[in-house]
Protein backbone atom coordinates (compact mmCIF):
# COMPACT_ATOMS: atom_id res chain seq x y z
CA UNK A 1 2.91 16.96 1.51
CA UNK A 2 2.83 19.45 4.12
CA UNK A 3 5.66 21.97 4.47
CA UNK A 4 6.50 25.08 6.97
CA UNK A 5 4.43 27.97 5.13
CA UNK A 6 8.04 30.17 5.01
CA UNK A 7 9.81 27.39 3.82
CA UNK A 8 8.41 26.63 0.74
CA UNK A 9 11.21 28.63 -1.39
CA UNK A 10 13.55 27.31 0.96
CA UNK A 11 12.33 23.54 -0.20
CA UNK A 12 12.96 24.73 -3.95
CA UNK A 13 16.71 26.19 -3.12
CA UNK A 14 17.04 23.14 -1.37
CA UNK A 15 15.49 20.31 -4.16
CA UNK A 16 17.81 22.39 -6.88
CA UNK A 17 20.88 22.75 -4.50
CA UNK A 18 20.78 18.77 -4.62
CA UNK A 19 21.13 18.63 -7.73
CA UNK A 20 24.25 19.95 -8.34
CA UNK A 21 25.36 17.38 -5.12
CA UNK A 22 24.06 14.79 -7.59
CA UNK A 23 26.17 15.53 -10.45
CA UNK A 24 29.31 15.31 -7.98
CA UNK A 25 28.20 12.27 -6.21
CA UNK A 26 27.98 10.32 -9.88
CA UNK A 27 30.36 11.93 -12.48
CA UNK A 28 33.44 10.27 -10.52
CA UNK A 29 31.73 6.48 -11.55
CA UNK A 30 31.10 7.15 -14.67
CA UNK A 31 34.96 7.59 -15.44
CA UNK A 32 36.98 5.68 -12.94
CA UNK A 33 37.20 2.28 -13.31
CA UNK A 34 38.38 3.41 -17.21
CA UNK A 35 40.50 5.70 -15.86
CA UNK A 36 42.36 3.80 -13.42
CA UNK A 37 43.01 1.27 -15.24
CA UNK A 38 44.73 4.07 -18.00
CA UNK A 39 47.37 3.89 -15.15
CA UNK A 40 47.81 0.51 -14.74
CA UNK A 41 46.10 0.41 -11.15
CA UNK A 42 43.48 -3.21 -10.92
CA UNK A 43 40.22 -4.00 -9.95
CA UNK A 44 41.28 -3.66 -6.70
CA UNK A 45 43.47 -0.75 -6.93
CA UNK A 46 40.09 1.17 -7.95
CA UNK A 47 37.84 -0.38 -6.30
CA UNK A 48 40.33 0.69 -2.85
CA UNK A 49 39.84 3.99 -3.54
CA UNK A 50 36.46 4.43 -3.10
CA UNK A 51 36.22 2.19 -0.25
CA UNK A 52 38.77 4.56 1.36
CA UNK A 53 36.55 7.58 0.87
CA UNK A 54 33.55 5.35 1.79
CA UNK A 55 34.99 4.30 4.78
CA UNK A 56 35.83 8.15 5.37
CA UNK A 57 32.22 9.57 4.82
CA UNK A 58 31.08 6.16 7.54
CA UNK A 59 33.10 7.44 10.30
CA UNK A 60 32.33 11.34 9.87
CA UNK A 61 28.32 11.29 8.57
CA UNK A 62 26.76 10.96 12.23
CA UNK A 63 29.87 13.36 13.56
CA UNK A 64 28.32 16.23 11.19
CA UNK A 65 24.87 14.77 11.51
CA UNK A 66 25.14 16.21 14.73
CA UNK A 67 26.97 19.18 14.23
CA UNK A 68 24.48 19.98 11.48
CA UNK A 69 21.68 20.18 15.17
CA UNK A 70 24.13 22.02 17.16
CA UNK A 71 25.87 24.22 14.52
CA UNK A 72 22.39 24.77 12.20
CA UNK A 73 22.20 23.08 8.63
CA UNK A 74 23.18 25.37 6.36
CA UNK A 75 26.33 26.17 7.95
CA UNK A 76 27.19 22.43 7.27
CA UNK A 77 26.13 22.13 3.82
CA UNK A 78 28.15 25.22 3.03
CA UNK A 79 31.03 23.19 4.73
CA UNK A 80 30.52 20.52 2.97
CA UNK A 81 30.04 21.70 -0.66
CA UNK A 82 33.22 24.15 -0.21
CA UNK A 83 35.15 20.68 0.75
CA UNK A 84 33.66 19.02 -1.84
CA UNK A 85 34.88 21.61 -4.54
CA UNK A 86 38.75 21.59 -3.10
CA UNK A 87 38.64 18.16 -2.15
CA UNK A 88 37.27 17.18 -6.24
CA UNK A 89 40.05 19.77 -7.48
CA UNK A 90 43.34 17.83 -5.44
CA UNK A 91 42.05 14.61 -6.35
CA UNK A 92 42.05 15.60 -9.86
CA UNK A 93 45.21 16.86 -9.22
CA UNK A 94 46.77 14.30 -7.63
CA UNK A 95 45.52 11.70 -10.54
CA UNK A 96 46.31 14.29 -14.02
CA UNK A 97 50.27 14.29 -12.06
CA UNK A 98 49.63 10.09 -12.41
CA UNK A 99 48.64 9.65 -15.83
CA UNK A 100 51.21 11.94 -16.74
CA UNK A 101 54.01 10.59 -15.23
CA UNK A 102 55.21 13.11 -12.39
CA UNK A 103 53.91 10.26 -9.84
CA UNK A 104 54.36 6.53 -10.80
CA UNK A 105 51.49 4.41 -10.52
CA UNK A 106 52.04 3.03 -6.56
CA UNK A 107 52.82 6.71 -5.54
CA UNK A 108 50.34 7.66 -7.13
CA UNK A 109 47.92 5.12 -5.55
CA UNK A 110 48.67 6.51 -2.49
CA UNK A 111 48.93 10.06 -2.72
CA UNK A 112 44.95 9.23 -4.69
CA UNK A 113 44.02 7.58 -1.95
CA UNK A 114 44.69 10.42 1.17
CA UNK A 115 43.69 13.06 -1.28
CA UNK A 116 39.91 11.43 -1.58
CA UNK A 117 40.28 10.17 2.15
CA UNK A 118 40.82 14.07 2.98
CA UNK A 119 38.04 14.96 0.62
CA UNK A 120 35.94 12.65 2.13
CA UNK A 121 35.86 13.34 5.30
CA UNK A 122 34.72 17.19 4.72
CA UNK A 123 32.18 15.97 1.77
CA UNK A 124 30.19 13.57 4.59
CA UNK A 125 29.21 16.90 5.94
CA UNK A 126 26.63 17.34 2.87
CA UNK A 127 23.73 15.07 3.08
CA UNK A 128 23.72 14.78 6.30
CA UNK A 129 22.25 18.08 6.94
CA UNK A 130 20.28 18.29 3.31
CA UNK A 131 18.91 15.53 4.78
CA UNK A 132 17.44 16.76 8.07
CA UNK A 133 17.21 20.11 6.46
CA UNK A 134 14.42 18.73 4.80
CA UNK A 135 12.97 16.72 8.02
CA UNK A 136 12.97 20.14 9.46
CA UNK A 137 10.55 21.75 7.10
CA UNK A 138 7.96 18.89 6.46
CA UNK A 139 5.56 17.03 8.88
CA UNK A 140 4.80 13.94 9.85
CA UNK A 141 2.75 12.82 7.07
CA UNK A 142 4.90 14.29 4.72
CA UNK A 143 8.06 12.72 5.85
CA UNK A 144 8.25 10.39 3.28
CA UNK A 145 7.15 12.38 0.48
CA UNK A 146 9.71 15.18 1.70
CA UNK A 147 12.85 12.57 1.62
CA UNK A 148 11.27 11.64 -1.99
CA UNK A 149 11.61 14.62 -3.16
CA UNK A 150 15.18 14.72 -1.42
CA UNK A 151 15.97 11.84 -4.30
CA UNK A 152 14.84 12.83 -6.62
CA UNK A 153 16.69 16.25 -7.06
CA UNK A 154 19.80 14.23 -6.05
CA UNK A 155 18.80 11.74 -9.44
CA UNK A 156 18.42 14.91 -11.50
CA UNK A 157 22.41 15.21 -11.18
CA UNK A 158 22.57 11.67 -11.03
CA UNK A 159 21.49 11.93 -14.46
CA UNK A 160 23.34 14.66 -15.84
CA UNK A 161 26.28 13.78 -14.17
CA UNK A 162 27.54 10.85 -15.63
CA UNK A 163 25.98 11.66 -18.77
CA UNK A 164 27.50 15.15 -19.02
CA UNK A 165 30.83 13.17 -17.69
CA UNK A 166 30.48 10.79 -20.13
CA UNK A 167 30.36 13.57 -22.67
CA UNK A 168 32.90 15.69 -21.28
CA UNK A 169 35.14 12.43 -20.91
CA UNK A 170 35.44 12.24 -25.03
CA UNK A 171 38.09 15.44 -24.58
CA UNK A 172 40.49 13.97 -21.51
CA UNK A 173 39.21 11.58 -19.30
CA UNK A 174 39.75 14.30 -16.29
CA UNK A 175 37.80 17.02 -17.66
CA UNK A 176 34.11 16.01 -16.06
CA UNK A 177 36.31 16.12 -12.34
CA UNK A 178 37.17 19.95 -13.27
CA UNK A 179 33.93 20.19 -13.91
CA UNK A 180 32.24 19.04 -11.17
CA UNK A 181 34.66 20.61 -9.14
CA UNK A 182 33.37 24.61 -10.82
CA UNK A 183 29.74 23.24 -10.57
CA UNK A 184 30.50 22.77 -6.87
CA UNK A 185 31.53 25.83 -6.14
CA UNK A 186 28.33 27.57 -7.91
CA UNK A 187 25.65 25.29 -6.31
CA UNK A 188 27.67 26.45 -3.35
CA UNK A 189 27.51 29.95 -3.69
CA UNK A 190 24.14 29.28 -4.38
CA UNK A 191 23.25 27.94 -0.84
CA UNK A 192 25.26 30.69 0.79
CA UNK A 193 22.89 33.89 -0.62
CA UNK A 194 19.70 32.45 -0.94
CA UNK A 195 18.95 29.57 1.22
CA UNK A 196 17.92 30.08 4.73
CA UNK A 197 18.60 28.84 8.21
CA UNK A 198 15.76 25.59 8.99
CA UNK A 199 13.91 26.24 11.60
CA UNK A 200 15.28 23.86 13.47
CA UNK A 201 16.28 24.87 17.28
CA UNK A 202 19.85 24.63 17.65
CA UNK A 203 21.59 23.27 20.29
CA UNK A 204 23.50 25.49 22.60
CA UNK A 205 27.18 25.52 22.47
CA UNK A 206 27.72 24.64 26.24
CA UNK A 207 24.94 20.87 25.26
CA UNK A 208 25.94 18.32 23.13
CA UNK A 209 23.79 17.80 20.72
CA UNK A 210 21.79 14.52 20.64
CA UNK A 211 23.67 11.14 19.80
CA UNK A 212 22.10 7.75 18.57
CA UNK A 213 23.91 4.62 18.50
CA UNK A 214 23.23 2.54 15.36
CA UNK A 215 21.79 0.10 17.19
CA UNK A 216 18.75 1.86 18.74
CA UNK A 217 15.60 -0.47 18.37
CA UNK A 218 13.53 2.88 16.97
CA UNK A 219 15.90 2.58 13.82
CA UNK A 220 17.71 -0.80 13.78
CA UNK A 221 15.78 -2.45 11.32
CA UNK A 222 16.57 0.62 9.01
CA UNK A 223 19.91 0.55 9.69
CA UNK A 224 20.43 -3.35 8.92
CA UNK A 225 18.00 -2.59 5.72
CA UNK A 226 20.08 -0.40 4.61
CA UNK A 227 23.37 -1.28 5.15
CA UNK A 228 22.77 -5.17 3.48
CA UNK A 229 20.87 -2.97 0.31
CA UNK A 230 24.05 -0.43 -0.36
CA UNK A 231 26.22 -2.84 0.61
CA UNK A 232 24.84 -4.91 -2.56
CA UNK A 233 24.67 -1.86 -4.28
CA UNK A 234 28.05 -0.93 -3.75
CA UNK A 235 29.55 -4.37 -4.84
CA UNK A 236 26.94 -3.87 -8.70
CA UNK A 237 27.73 -0.20 -8.70
CA UNK A 238 31.76 -0.77 -8.81
CA UNK A 239 31.86 -3.43 -11.14
CA UNK A 240 29.82 -2.52 -13.67
CA UNK A 241 32.29 -0.15 -15.59
CA UNK A 242 34.69 -3.11 -15.88
CA UNK A 243 32.00 -5.22 -17.03
CA UNK A 244 30.68 -3.13 -19.86
CA UNK A 245 33.84 -2.34 -20.84
CA UNK A 246 34.66 -6.72 -21.16
CA UNK A 247 31.12 -7.35 -22.41
CA UNK A 248 30.92 -4.78 -25.17
CA UNK A 249 35.13 -4.98 -25.59
CA UNK A 250 35.00 -0.81 -25.53
CA UNK A 251 38.10 1.19 -24.84
CA UNK A 252 38.78 3.55 -22.36
CA UNK A 253 37.22 6.56 -23.11
CA UNK A 254 33.58 4.36 -25.01
CA UNK A 255 33.07 2.68 -21.67
CA UNK A 256 33.37 6.01 -19.91
CA UNK A 257 30.61 7.61 -22.99
CA UNK A 258 28.53 4.19 -23.01
CA UNK A 259 28.05 3.37 -18.80
CA UNK A 260 27.79 7.11 -18.43
CA UNK A 261 24.91 6.86 -20.44
CA UNK A 262 23.79 3.70 -18.61
CA UNK A 263 24.53 5.56 -15.35
CA UNK A 264 21.54 8.26 -16.47
CA UNK A 265 19.01 5.97 -17.71
CA UNK A 266 19.36 4.65 -14.20
CA UNK A 267 19.08 7.41 -12.52
CA UNK A 268 16.14 9.17 -14.77
CA UNK A 269 13.93 5.29 -14.37
CA UNK A 270 15.41 6.17 -10.37
CA UNK A 271 13.75 10.07 -10.74
CA UNK A 272 10.82 8.87 -12.61
CA UNK A 273 9.39 6.28 -9.74
CA UNK A 274 10.17 8.56 -6.97
CA UNK A 275 8.27 11.56 -9.00
CA UNK A 276 5.41 9.02 -10.52
CA UNK A 277 4.94 6.88 -7.75
CA UNK A 278 6.35 8.03 -4.69
CA UNK A 279 4.29 11.80 -4.47
CA UNK A 280 1.56 10.24 -5.86
CA UNK A 281 1.00 7.49 -4.14
CA UNK A 282 0.98 7.00 -0.10
CA UNK A 283 2.71 3.58 1.10
CA UNK A 284 4.97 3.67 4.96
CA UNK A 285 8.37 2.86 4.41
CA UNK A 286 8.57 -1.01 4.70
CA UNK A 287 6.10 -0.93 2.19
CA UNK A 288 8.34 0.66 -0.36
CA UNK A 289 10.78 -1.59 0.13
CA UNK A 290 9.20 -3.87 -0.37
CA UNK A 291 7.80 -2.90 -3.64
CA UNK A 292 11.79 -2.06 -4.45
CA UNK A 293 13.35 -5.28 -3.29
CA UNK A 294 12.27 -7.86 -6.08
CA UNK A 295 12.75 -5.65 -8.79
CA UNK A 296 16.31 -5.32 -7.72
CA UNK A 297 16.96 -8.72 -7.31
CA UNK A 298 16.09 -9.23 -11.39
CA UNK A 299 18.50 -6.85 -12.34
CA UNK A 300 21.68 -7.87 -10.41
CA UNK A 301 19.48 -11.76 -12.44
CA UNK A 302 20.55 -10.28 -15.70
CA UNK A 303 23.14 -8.20 -14.81
CA UNK A 304 24.63 -11.80 -14.68
CA UNK A 305 23.67 -13.50 -17.63
CA UNK A 306 23.77 -10.06 -19.28
CA UNK A 307 25.94 -10.89 -23.39
CA UNK A 308 24.82 -7.27 -24.84
CA UNK A 309 24.55 -3.41 -24.74
CA UNK A 310 20.61 -3.76 -24.37
CA UNK A 311 20.45 -6.44 -21.83
CA UNK A 312 22.87 -4.29 -19.42
CA UNK A 313 21.00 -0.97 -20.35
CA UNK A 314 17.29 -2.87 -19.17
CA UNK A 315 19.29 -3.71 -16.10
CA UNK A 316 20.49 -0.65 -15.15
CA UNK A 317 17.21 0.70 -15.76
CA UNK A 318 15.17 -1.82 -13.25
CA UNK A 319 17.81 -1.00 -10.42
CA UNK A 320 17.67 2.08 -10.94
CA UNK A 321 13.43 2.10 -10.50
CA UNK A 322 13.64 0.33 -7.71
CA UNK A 323 15.90 2.32 -6.01
CA UNK A 324 14.14 5.07 -6.63
CA UNK A 325 11.92 4.16 -4.08
CA UNK A 326 13.74 1.85 -1.71
CA UNK A 327 16.84 4.52 -0.91
CA UNK A 328 14.45 7.17 0.12
CA UNK A 329 12.23 4.67 2.10
CA UNK A 330 14.57 3.48 4.14
CA UNK A 331 16.07 7.52 5.09
CA UNK A 332 12.59 8.19 5.68
CA UNK A 333 11.43 5.51 7.87
CA UNK A 334 13.95 6.30 10.13
CA UNK A 335 13.75 10.28 9.80
CA UNK A 336 10.24 8.87 11.34
CA UNK A 337 11.01 6.50 14.24
CA UNK A 338 12.86 9.79 16.11
CA UNK A 339 12.22 12.60 17.78
CA UNK A 340 12.25 16.20 15.44
CA UNK A 341 15.62 16.83 18.36
CA UNK A 342 17.27 14.33 16.82
CA UNK A 343 17.05 14.50 13.10
CA UNK A 344 20.63 15.87 12.62
CA UNK A 345 21.59 12.91 15.05
CA UNK A 346 19.64 10.61 12.78
CA UNK A 347 20.08 11.87 9.01
CA UNK A 348 23.90 10.97 10.00
CA UNK A 349 23.63 7.54 11.36
CA UNK A 350 21.12 6.76 8.75
CA UNK A 351 23.32 8.32 5.52
CA UNK A 352 26.02 6.50 6.52
CA UNK A 353 24.92 3.09 6.18
CA UNK A 354 25.80 4.17 2.37
CA UNK A 355 28.97 4.85 2.86
CA UNK A 356 29.59 1.33 5.19
CA UNK A 357 27.52 -0.38 2.35
CA UNK A 358 30.25 1.07 0.03
CA UNK A 359 33.39 0.75 2.09
CA UNK A 360 32.35 -3.55 1.76
CA UNK A 361 30.86 -3.73 -1.26
CA UNK A 362 33.86 -2.55 -3.80
CA UNK A 363 36.91 -4.00 -2.16
CA UNK A 364 34.44 -7.71 -2.16
CA UNK A 365 33.65 -6.41 -6.18
CA UNK A 366 36.59 -6.51 -6.72
CA UNK A 367 37.88 -9.56 -5.79
CA UNK A 368 34.77 -11.05 -6.75
CA UNK A 369 35.68 -9.94 -10.44
CA UNK A 370 39.28 -11.20 -10.92
CA UNK A 371 37.89 -14.69 -9.53
CA UNK A 372 34.96 -14.72 -12.60
CA UNK A 373 33.65 -11.17 -14.05
CA UNK A 374 29.49 -12.64 -13.89
CA UNK A 375 30.33 -14.17 -9.84
CA UNK A 376 29.38 -10.29 -8.07
CA UNK A 377 26.51 -9.92 -9.58
CA UNK A 378 25.27 -13.29 -8.19
CA UNK A 379 26.65 -13.00 -4.94
CA UNK A 380 24.80 -9.63 -4.62
CA UNK A 381 21.32 -11.40 -5.10
CA UNK A 382 22.27 -13.99 -3.12
CA UNK A 383 22.25 -11.12 -0.01
CA UNK A 384 19.24 -10.10 -1.26
CA UNK A 385 17.28 -13.02 -1.34
CA UNK A 386 17.17 -13.04 2.60
CA UNK A 387 16.72 -9.06 2.76
CA UNK A 388 13.78 -9.62 0.81
CA UNK A 389 12.68 -11.90 3.73
CA UNK A 390 13.40 -9.72 6.34
CA UNK A 391 11.37 -7.20 4.42
CA UNK A 392 8.70 -9.12 4.35
CA UNK A 393 8.72 -9.88 8.19
CA UNK A 394 9.38 -6.58 9.55
CA UNK A 395 6.47 -5.39 7.24
CA UNK A 396 4.47 -7.73 8.17
CA UNK A 397 4.89 -6.86 11.99
CA UNK A 398 3.87 -3.78 11.51
CA UNK A 399 0.92 -3.93 10.07
CA UNK A 400 -0.44 -5.95 12.99
CA UNK A 401 0.99 -3.55 15.22
CA UNK A 402 -1.48 -0.30 13.34
């Protein structure tokens, strides 16, 4: 992978900071389900908290991506990191007040929605600026591997987040959030003092940064894949804590610890596929998607029929390994489709596909889970079958155009 000579150390610093971001993104998922049930929230209410946050990130990400073209990647990344830190403190404080009865559940629920929306509106600056930074310091030939490295670094944090979060939940269920806020502050200071500004040319304040539409024909296939892929992932991920707790008959703390370990295993599998496959094998983005989507279908099938801890862990392992190649490929394909002047814009647009999926998926998952505990996984499997057909068709068309 070719990297601008003056930015080899910057790449290392960026990837280290992404580990901290990965921790922050995933630590909440290990505890939100059991934590919400502790205060009497239903599955739909718990899912609504995530959905509101994701909708906010979906709306804000393109804007932050364009601002990184105008203000610089580092400045926008720092805004996101400090926003994550203070937003997490606010969210944890509101949850604590609900747990101890200062806020009645209905007031606590709406307060948590507001806190999470405020949190997400600033936190949304992180990934578009980080992805655009990596695009700035890699050439076209190394772009897919560069995005794979971004995914790998994030997944190291994803391994640490649920695992450490599950252990810290043994102290109190909110301890992982307090810890995450502290780590976010350390990561922000690390970036502030050690990460140089990227080599991208910033647009003058009087000039509008390039805008990209979701319907832009250059990125439209990747947007379609991203939205469907992440909607299915969100639907599954949001209901899995309930699945673990109900299938294995776990307490709230046991659920946080067991599901945290499973998420850590999933992230480790994702990291392994990125390091052992993506960094060693040269395939085009849609070729990697063609490898990942069938494995995801198998993982969802196992989740639907799982009755044991071992089967749930195997399903999580397969899901992580497949998303390890599918997620970065989607981002790399969108990045390669546009010019260097549009990297911030495309990082914001493509990066918002995940949040859009996590807006639709959790609500649908919570609703389906209340009908039947295995229904979310059958539903997601059905969504991914036409997605696989679409990937096969697009990959064939792209191959014929070479």
